[in-house]
Amino acid sequence: MPNVKIFVDETLYPTVREQLAKNLEQVRDMLCQDLSVDVPACQFAVLPVGAMRDQPRVNVEISILPRRERTRDLLLSVGAKLRAMVGDATGVHVAVRVTSLDPHTDIALK
């Protein structure tokens, strides 16, 4: 269940919105393949935000439920791919944060 939030500096957002939207399907396909999840399990949000000048203009946060096969190395690989794909779509440096959800306390109603 990857929950992906892409925060884009509001001054950059108008120029990258279309290209970023075009790339989301490829991003989802990569996440589904690498994390072994089905498409309906994915949740995406792209949000324009007021960003600070000394921080990356694009930040991606991905939250997932842990599984034995989702090793640190796998998550680092997924994060690197995610950073590259979103970076290609936006043309700027992208910061990525991957967090594991607690399966005992996480509740998702879809």
N, C-alpha and C. Protein backbone atom coordinates (compact mmCIF):
# COMPACT_ATOMS: atom_id res chain seq x y z
N MET A 1 0.83 -1.17 0.00
CA MET A 1 0.00 0.00 0.00
C MET A 1 0.89 1.24 0.00
N PRO A 2 1.43 1.61 -1.13
CA PRO A 2 2.20 2.84 -1.14
C PRO A 2 1.29 4.07 -1.15
N ASN A 3 1.51 4.93 -0.19
CA ASN A 3 0.82 6.22 -0.12
C ASN A 3 1.88 7.25 -0.46
N VAL A 4 1.72 7.91 -1.61
CA VAL A 4 2.75 8.81 -2.13
C VAL A 4 2.22 10.24 -2.13
N LYS A 5 3.00 11.13 -1.51
CA LYS A 5 2.68 12.56 -1.53
C LYS A 5 3.86 13.28 -2.16
N ILE A 6 3.56 14.06 -3.18
CA ILE A 6 4.59 14.83 -3.87
C ILE A 6 4.31 16.30 -3.61
N PHE A 7 5.22 16.93 -2.88
CA PHE A 7 5.09 18.34 -2.53
C PHE A 7 5.96 19.15 -3.48
N VAL A 8 5.34 20.07 -4.20
CA VAL A 8 6.04 20.87 -5.21
C VAL A 8 5.94 22.34 -4.84
N ASP A 9 7.07 23.03 -4.82
CA ASP A 9 7.08 24.47 -4.55
C ASP A 9 6.05 25.14 -5.46
N GLU A 10 5.20 25.95 -4.85
CA GLU A 10 4.09 26.56 -5.59
C GLU A 10 4.57 27.44 -6.75
N THR A 11 5.78 27.97 -6.68
CA THR A 11 6.29 28.78 -7.79
C THR A 11 6.76 27.91 -8.95
N LEU A 12 7.07 26.66 -8.69
CA LEU A 12 7.50 25.71 -9.72
C LEU A 12 6.32 24.94 -10.30
N TYR A 13 5.32 24.72 -9.49
CA TYR A 13 4.20 23.83 -9.84
C TYR A 13 3.57 24.13 -11.21
N PRO A 14 3.25 25.38 -11.55
CA PRO A 14 2.59 25.61 -12.84
C PRO A 14 3.41 25.14 -14.04
N THR A 15 4.73 25.18 -13.94
CA THR A 15 5.56 24.80 -15.08
C THR A 15 5.80 23.29 -15.17
N VAL A 16 5.57 22.55 -14.07
CA VAL A 16 5.85 21.10 -14.08
C VAL A 16 4.60 20.26 -13.93
N ARG A 17 3.47 20.88 -13.69
CA ARG A 17 2.23 20.15 -13.41
C ARG A 17 1.89 19.12 -14.48
N GLU A 18 1.89 19.54 -15.73
CA GLU A 18 1.50 18.64 -16.81
C GLU A 18 2.47 17.47 -16.96
N GLN A 19 3.77 17.75 -16.99
CA GLN A 19 4.74 16.67 -17.15
C GLN A 19 4.73 15.72 -15.96
N LEU A 20 4.59 16.26 -14.77
CA LEU A 20 4.53 15.41 -13.59
C LEU A 20 3.32 14.49 -13.65
N ALA A 21 2.18 15.03 -14.04
CA ALA A 21 0.97 14.22 -14.15
C ALA A 21 1.15 13.10 -15.17
N LYS A 22 1.84 13.39 -16.27
CA LYS A 22 2.08 12.37 -17.31
C LYS A 22 2.95 11.23 -16.77
N ASN A 23 3.85 11.54 -15.85
CA ASN A 23 4.80 10.55 -15.35
C ASN A 23 4.27 9.71 -14.18
N LEU A 24 3.15 10.10 -13.60
CA LEU A 24 2.66 9.38 -12.42
C LEU A 24 2.33 7.92 -12.71
N GLU A 25 1.84 7.63 -13.89
CA GLU A 25 1.52 6.23 -14.21
C GLU A 25 2.79 5.38 -14.23
N GLN A 26 3.87 5.92 -14.78
CA GLN A 26 5.14 5.18 -14.78
C GLN A 26 5.65 4.99 -13.35
N VAL A 27 5.51 6.01 -12.54
CA VAL A 27 5.92 5.92 -11.14
C VAL A 27 5.11 4.83 -10.45
N ARG A 28 3.81 4.84 -10.66
CA ARG A 28 2.95 3.83 -10.04
C ARG A 28 3.33 2.43 -10.51
N ASP A 29 3.60 2.27 -11.80
CA ASP A 29 3.99 0.96 -12.33
C ASP A 29 5.27 0.46 -11.65
N MET A 30 6.24 1.35 -11.48
CA MET A 30 7.50 0.97 -10.83
C MET A 30 7.24 0.55 -9.39
N LEU A 31 6.44 1.34 -8.67
CA LEU A 31 6.15 1.01 -7.27
C LEU A 31 5.42 -0.32 -7.15
N CYS A 32 4.45 -0.54 -8.02
CA CYS A 32 3.71 -1.81 -7.98
C CYS A 32 4.62 -3.00 -8.24
N GLN A 33 5.49 -2.85 -9.21
CA GLN A 33 6.41 -3.95 -9.54
C GLN A 33 7.42 -4.17 -8.42
N ASP A 34 8.11 -3.11 -8.00
CA ASP A 34 9.19 -3.26 -7.03
C ASP A 34 8.69 -3.61 -5.63
N LEU A 35 7.50 -3.12 -5.27
CA LEU A 35 6.97 -3.37 -3.92
C LEU A 35 5.93 -4.50 -3.89
N SER A 36 5.66 -5.10 -5.04
CA SER A 36 4.71 -6.21 -5.15
C SER A 36 3.33 -5.84 -4.61
N VAL A 37 2.78 -4.77 -5.18
CA VAL A 37 1.43 -4.35 -4.81
C VAL A 37 0.57 -4.20 -6.06
N ASP A 38 -0.73 -4.25 -5.86
CA ASP A 38 -1.66 -4.06 -6.96
C ASP A 38 -1.98 -2.58 -7.12
N VAL A 39 -2.34 -2.19 -8.32
CA VAL A 39 -2.65 -0.78 -8.63
C VAL A 39 -3.67 -0.17 -7.66
N PRO A 40 -4.77 -0.86 -7.33
CA PRO A 40 -5.75 -0.23 -6.44
C PRO A 40 -5.21 0.09 -5.04
N ALA A 41 -4.09 -0.49 -4.68
CA ALA A 41 -3.51 -0.23 -3.36
C ALA A 41 -2.76 1.10 -3.31
N CYS A 42 -2.46 1.67 -4.46
CA CYS A 42 -1.67 2.91 -4.51
C CYS A 42 -2.55 4.14 -4.29
N GLN A 43 -1.97 5.10 -3.61
CA GLN A 43 -2.64 6.39 -3.38
C GLN A 43 -1.62 7.49 -3.67
N PHE A 44 -1.99 8.44 -4.53
CA PHE A 44 -1.10 9.54 -4.89
C PHE A 44 -1.75 10.87 -4.58
N ALA A 45 -0.94 11.82 -4.18
CA ALA A 45 -1.37 13.21 -4.04
C ALA A 45 -0.21 14.10 -4.48
N VAL A 46 -0.52 15.07 -5.33
CA VAL A 46 0.47 16.07 -5.74
C VAL A 46 -0.02 17.39 -5.20
N LEU A 47 0.83 18.04 -4.39
CA LEU A 47 0.41 19.23 -3.67
C LEU A 47 1.37 20.39 -3.88
N PRO A 48 0.87 21.53 -4.38
CA PRO A 48 1.71 22.72 -4.40
C PRO A 48 1.82 23.26 -2.97
N VAL A 49 3.02 23.64 -2.59
CA VAL A 49 3.26 24.11 -1.22
C VAL A 49 4.15 25.35 -1.23
N GLY A 50 4.08 26.10 -0.16
CA GLY A 50 5.03 27.19 0.05
C GLY A 50 6.31 26.59 0.60
N ALA A 51 7.35 26.55 -0.21
CA ALA A 51 8.61 25.93 0.20
C ALA A 51 9.62 26.99 0.61
N MET A 52 10.51 26.61 1.48
CA MET A 52 11.59 27.50 1.91
C MET A 52 12.68 27.52 0.84
N ARG A 53 13.32 28.64 0.66
CA ARG A 53 14.32 28.82 -0.41
C ARG A 53 15.52 27.90 -0.28
N ASP A 54 15.87 27.50 0.94
CA ASP A 54 17.08 26.71 1.14
C ASP A 54 16.81 25.21 1.22
N GLN A 55 15.62 24.80 0.80
CA GLN A 55 15.28 23.37 0.80
C GLN A 55 14.92 22.93 -0.61
N PRO A 56 14.93 21.62 -0.87
CA PRO A 56 14.56 21.15 -2.21
C PRO A 56 13.17 21.65 -2.60
N ARG A 57 13.01 21.96 -3.87
CA ARG A 57 11.74 22.50 -4.36
C ARG A 57 10.69 21.41 -4.54
N VAL A 58 11.13 20.16 -4.56
CA VAL A 58 10.21 19.02 -4.65
C VAL A 58 10.60 18.00 -3.59
N ASN A 59 9.62 17.58 -2.81
CA ASN A 59 9.81 16.55 -1.79
C ASN A 59 8.78 15.46 -2.01
N VAL A 60 9.22 14.22 -1.93
CA VAL A 60 8.32 13.09 -2.07
C VAL A 60 8.35 12.29 -0.78
N GLU A 61 7.18 12.01 -0.27
CA GLU A 61 7.05 11.14 0.91
C GLU A 61 6.27 9.91 0.48
N ILE A 62 6.80 8.75 0.79
CA ILE A 62 6.11 7.50 0.51
C ILE A 62 6.00 6.72 1.81
N SER A 63 4.79 6.30 2.12
CA SER A 63 4.54 5.48 3.30
C SER A 63 4.03 4.13 2.83
N ILE A 64 4.59 3.07 3.41
CA ILE A 64 4.18 1.71 3.02
C ILE A 64 4.10 0.81 4.24
N LEU A 65 3.31 -0.23 4.10
CA LEU A 65 3.27 -1.25 5.14
C LEU A 65 4.50 -2.14 5.00
N PRO A 66 5.12 -2.51 6.10
CA PRO A 66 6.32 -3.34 6.02
C PRO A 66 5.99 -4.78 5.62
N ARG A 67 6.92 -5.38 4.95
CA ARG A 67 6.90 -6.81 4.62
C ARG A 67 8.33 -7.30 4.70
N ARG A 68 8.48 -8.56 4.94
CA ARG A 68 9.82 -9.15 5.08
C ARG A 68 10.68 -8.86 3.85
N GLU A 69 10.09 -8.95 2.66
CA GLU A 69 10.86 -8.74 1.43
C GLU A 69 11.17 -7.27 1.14
N ARG A 70 10.58 -6.36 1.88
CA ARG A 70 10.84 -4.93 1.69
C ARG A 70 12.02 -4.52 2.58
N THR A 71 13.16 -4.97 2.16
CA THR A 71 14.39 -4.72 2.92
C THR A 71 14.84 -3.27 2.78
N ARG A 72 15.75 -2.88 3.61
CA ARG A 72 16.31 -1.52 3.52
C ARG A 72 16.89 -1.28 2.13
N ASP A 73 17.62 -2.26 1.60
CA ASP A 73 18.22 -2.11 0.28
C ASP A 73 17.14 -1.91 -0.79
N LEU A 74 16.07 -2.67 -0.71
CA LEU A 74 14.98 -2.52 -1.68
C LEU A 74 14.36 -1.13 -1.56
N LEU A 75 14.11 -0.68 -0.34
CA LEU A 75 13.50 0.64 -0.15
C LEU A 75 14.44 1.76 -0.60
N LEU A 76 15.74 1.60 -0.40
CA LEU A 76 16.70 2.58 -0.92
C LEU A 76 16.66 2.61 -2.44
N SER A 77 16.56 1.45 -3.06
CA SER A 77 16.48 1.37 -4.52
C SER A 77 15.20 2.04 -5.03
N VAL A 78 14.08 1.74 -4.39
CA VAL A 78 12.81 2.36 -4.78
C VAL A 78 12.89 3.88 -4.61
N GLY A 79 13.46 4.33 -3.50
CA GLY A 79 13.61 5.76 -3.27
C GLY A 79 14.46 6.43 -4.33
N ALA A 80 15.54 5.78 -4.72
CA ALA A 80 16.42 6.34 -5.76
C ALA A 80 15.71 6.41 -7.10
N LYS A 81 14.97 5.37 -7.43
CA LYS A 81 14.20 5.39 -8.68
C LYS A 81 13.13 6.47 -8.65
N LEU A 82 12.46 6.58 -7.53
CA LEU A 82 11.42 7.59 -7.36
C LEU A 82 12.02 8.99 -7.51
N ARG A 83 13.15 9.23 -6.88
CA ARG A 83 13.81 10.53 -6.98
C ARG A 83 14.19 10.84 -8.42
N ALA A 84 14.72 9.86 -9.13
CA ALA A 84 15.11 10.07 -10.52
C ALA A 84 13.90 10.34 -11.41
N MET A 85 12.84 9.58 -11.23
CA MET A 85 11.66 9.73 -12.08
C MET A 85 10.98 11.08 -11.86
N VAL A 86 10.82 11.48 -10.60
CA VAL A 86 10.19 12.77 -10.31
C VAL A 86 11.14 13.90 -10.69
N GLY A 87 12.43 13.70 -10.52
CA GLY A 87 13.41 14.69 -10.94
C GLY A 87 13.39 14.91 -12.43
N ASP A 88 13.28 13.83 -13.20
CA ASP A 88 13.18 13.95 -14.66
C ASP A 88 11.93 14.73 -15.06
N ALA A 89 10.84 14.51 -14.35
CA ALA A 89 9.58 15.18 -14.68
C ALA A 89 9.59 16.65 -14.30
N THR A 90 10.35 17.01 -13.26
CA THR A 90 10.32 18.38 -12.76
C THR A 90 11.56 19.19 -13.12
N GLY A 91 12.64 18.51 -13.43
CA GLY A 91 13.88 19.21 -13.78
C GLY A 91 14.62 19.81 -12.60
N VAL A 92 14.27 19.38 -11.38
CA VAL A 92 14.94 19.89 -10.19
C VAL A 92 15.35 18.73 -9.29
N HIS A 93 16.22 19.04 -8.32
CA HIS A 93 16.60 18.06 -7.31
C HIS A 93 15.37 17.70 -6.47
N VAL A 94 15.22 16.43 -6.18
CA VAL A 94 14.08 15.93 -5.42
C VAL A 94 14.57 15.22 -4.17
N ALA A 95 13.95 15.53 -3.05
CA ALA A 95 14.22 14.82 -1.80
C ALA A 95 13.14 13.77 -1.62
N VAL A 96 13.52 12.60 -1.11
CA VAL A 96 12.58 11.50 -0.91
C VAL A 96 12.69 10.98 0.51
N ARG A 97 11.54 10.72 1.12
CA ARG A 97 11.48 10.12 2.46
C ARG A 97 10.58 8.89 2.36
N VAL A 98 11.09 7.75 2.80
CA VAL A 98 10.32 6.51 2.82
C VAL A 98 10.08 6.14 4.28
N THR A 99 8.82 5.92 4.63
CA THR A 99 8.50 5.51 5.99
C THR A 99 7.64 4.25 5.96
N SER A 100 7.85 3.41 6.96
CA SER A 100 7.03 2.20 7.10
C SER A 100 5.91 2.49 8.10
N LEU A 101 4.72 2.09 7.73
CA LEU A 101 3.56 2.25 8.60
C LEU A 101 3.51 1.12 9.61
N ASP A 102 2.88 1.36 10.73
CA ASP A 102 2.67 0.33 11.73
C ASP A 102 1.41 -0.45 11.34
N PRO A 103 1.54 -1.72 10.96
CA PRO A 103 0.37 -2.47 10.50
C PRO A 103 -0.69 -2.69 11.57
N HIS A 104 -0.31 -2.51 12.83
CA HIS A 104 -1.27 -2.70 13.92
C HIS A 104 -2.10 -1.46 14.21
N THR A 105 -1.58 -0.30 13.81
CA THR A 105 -2.32 0.93 14.10
C THR A 105 -2.80 1.64 12.83
N ASP A 106 -2.28 1.28 11.67
CA ASP A 106 -2.69 1.94 10.44
C ASP A 106 -4.09 1.48 10.04
N ILE A 107 -4.94 2.41 9.73
CA ILE A 107 -6.29 2.12 9.27
C ILE A 107 -6.51 2.85 7.97
N ALA A 108 -6.96 2.15 6.94
CA ALA A 108 -7.25 2.78 5.65
C ALA A 108 -8.63 2.35 5.20
N LEU A 109 -9.48 3.32 5.00
CA LEU A 109 -10.83 3.06 4.48
C LEU A 109 -10.88 3.59 3.06
N LYS A 110 -11.16 2.72 2.11
CA LYS A 110 -11.19 3.14 0.70
C LYS A 110 -12.54 2.88 0.12
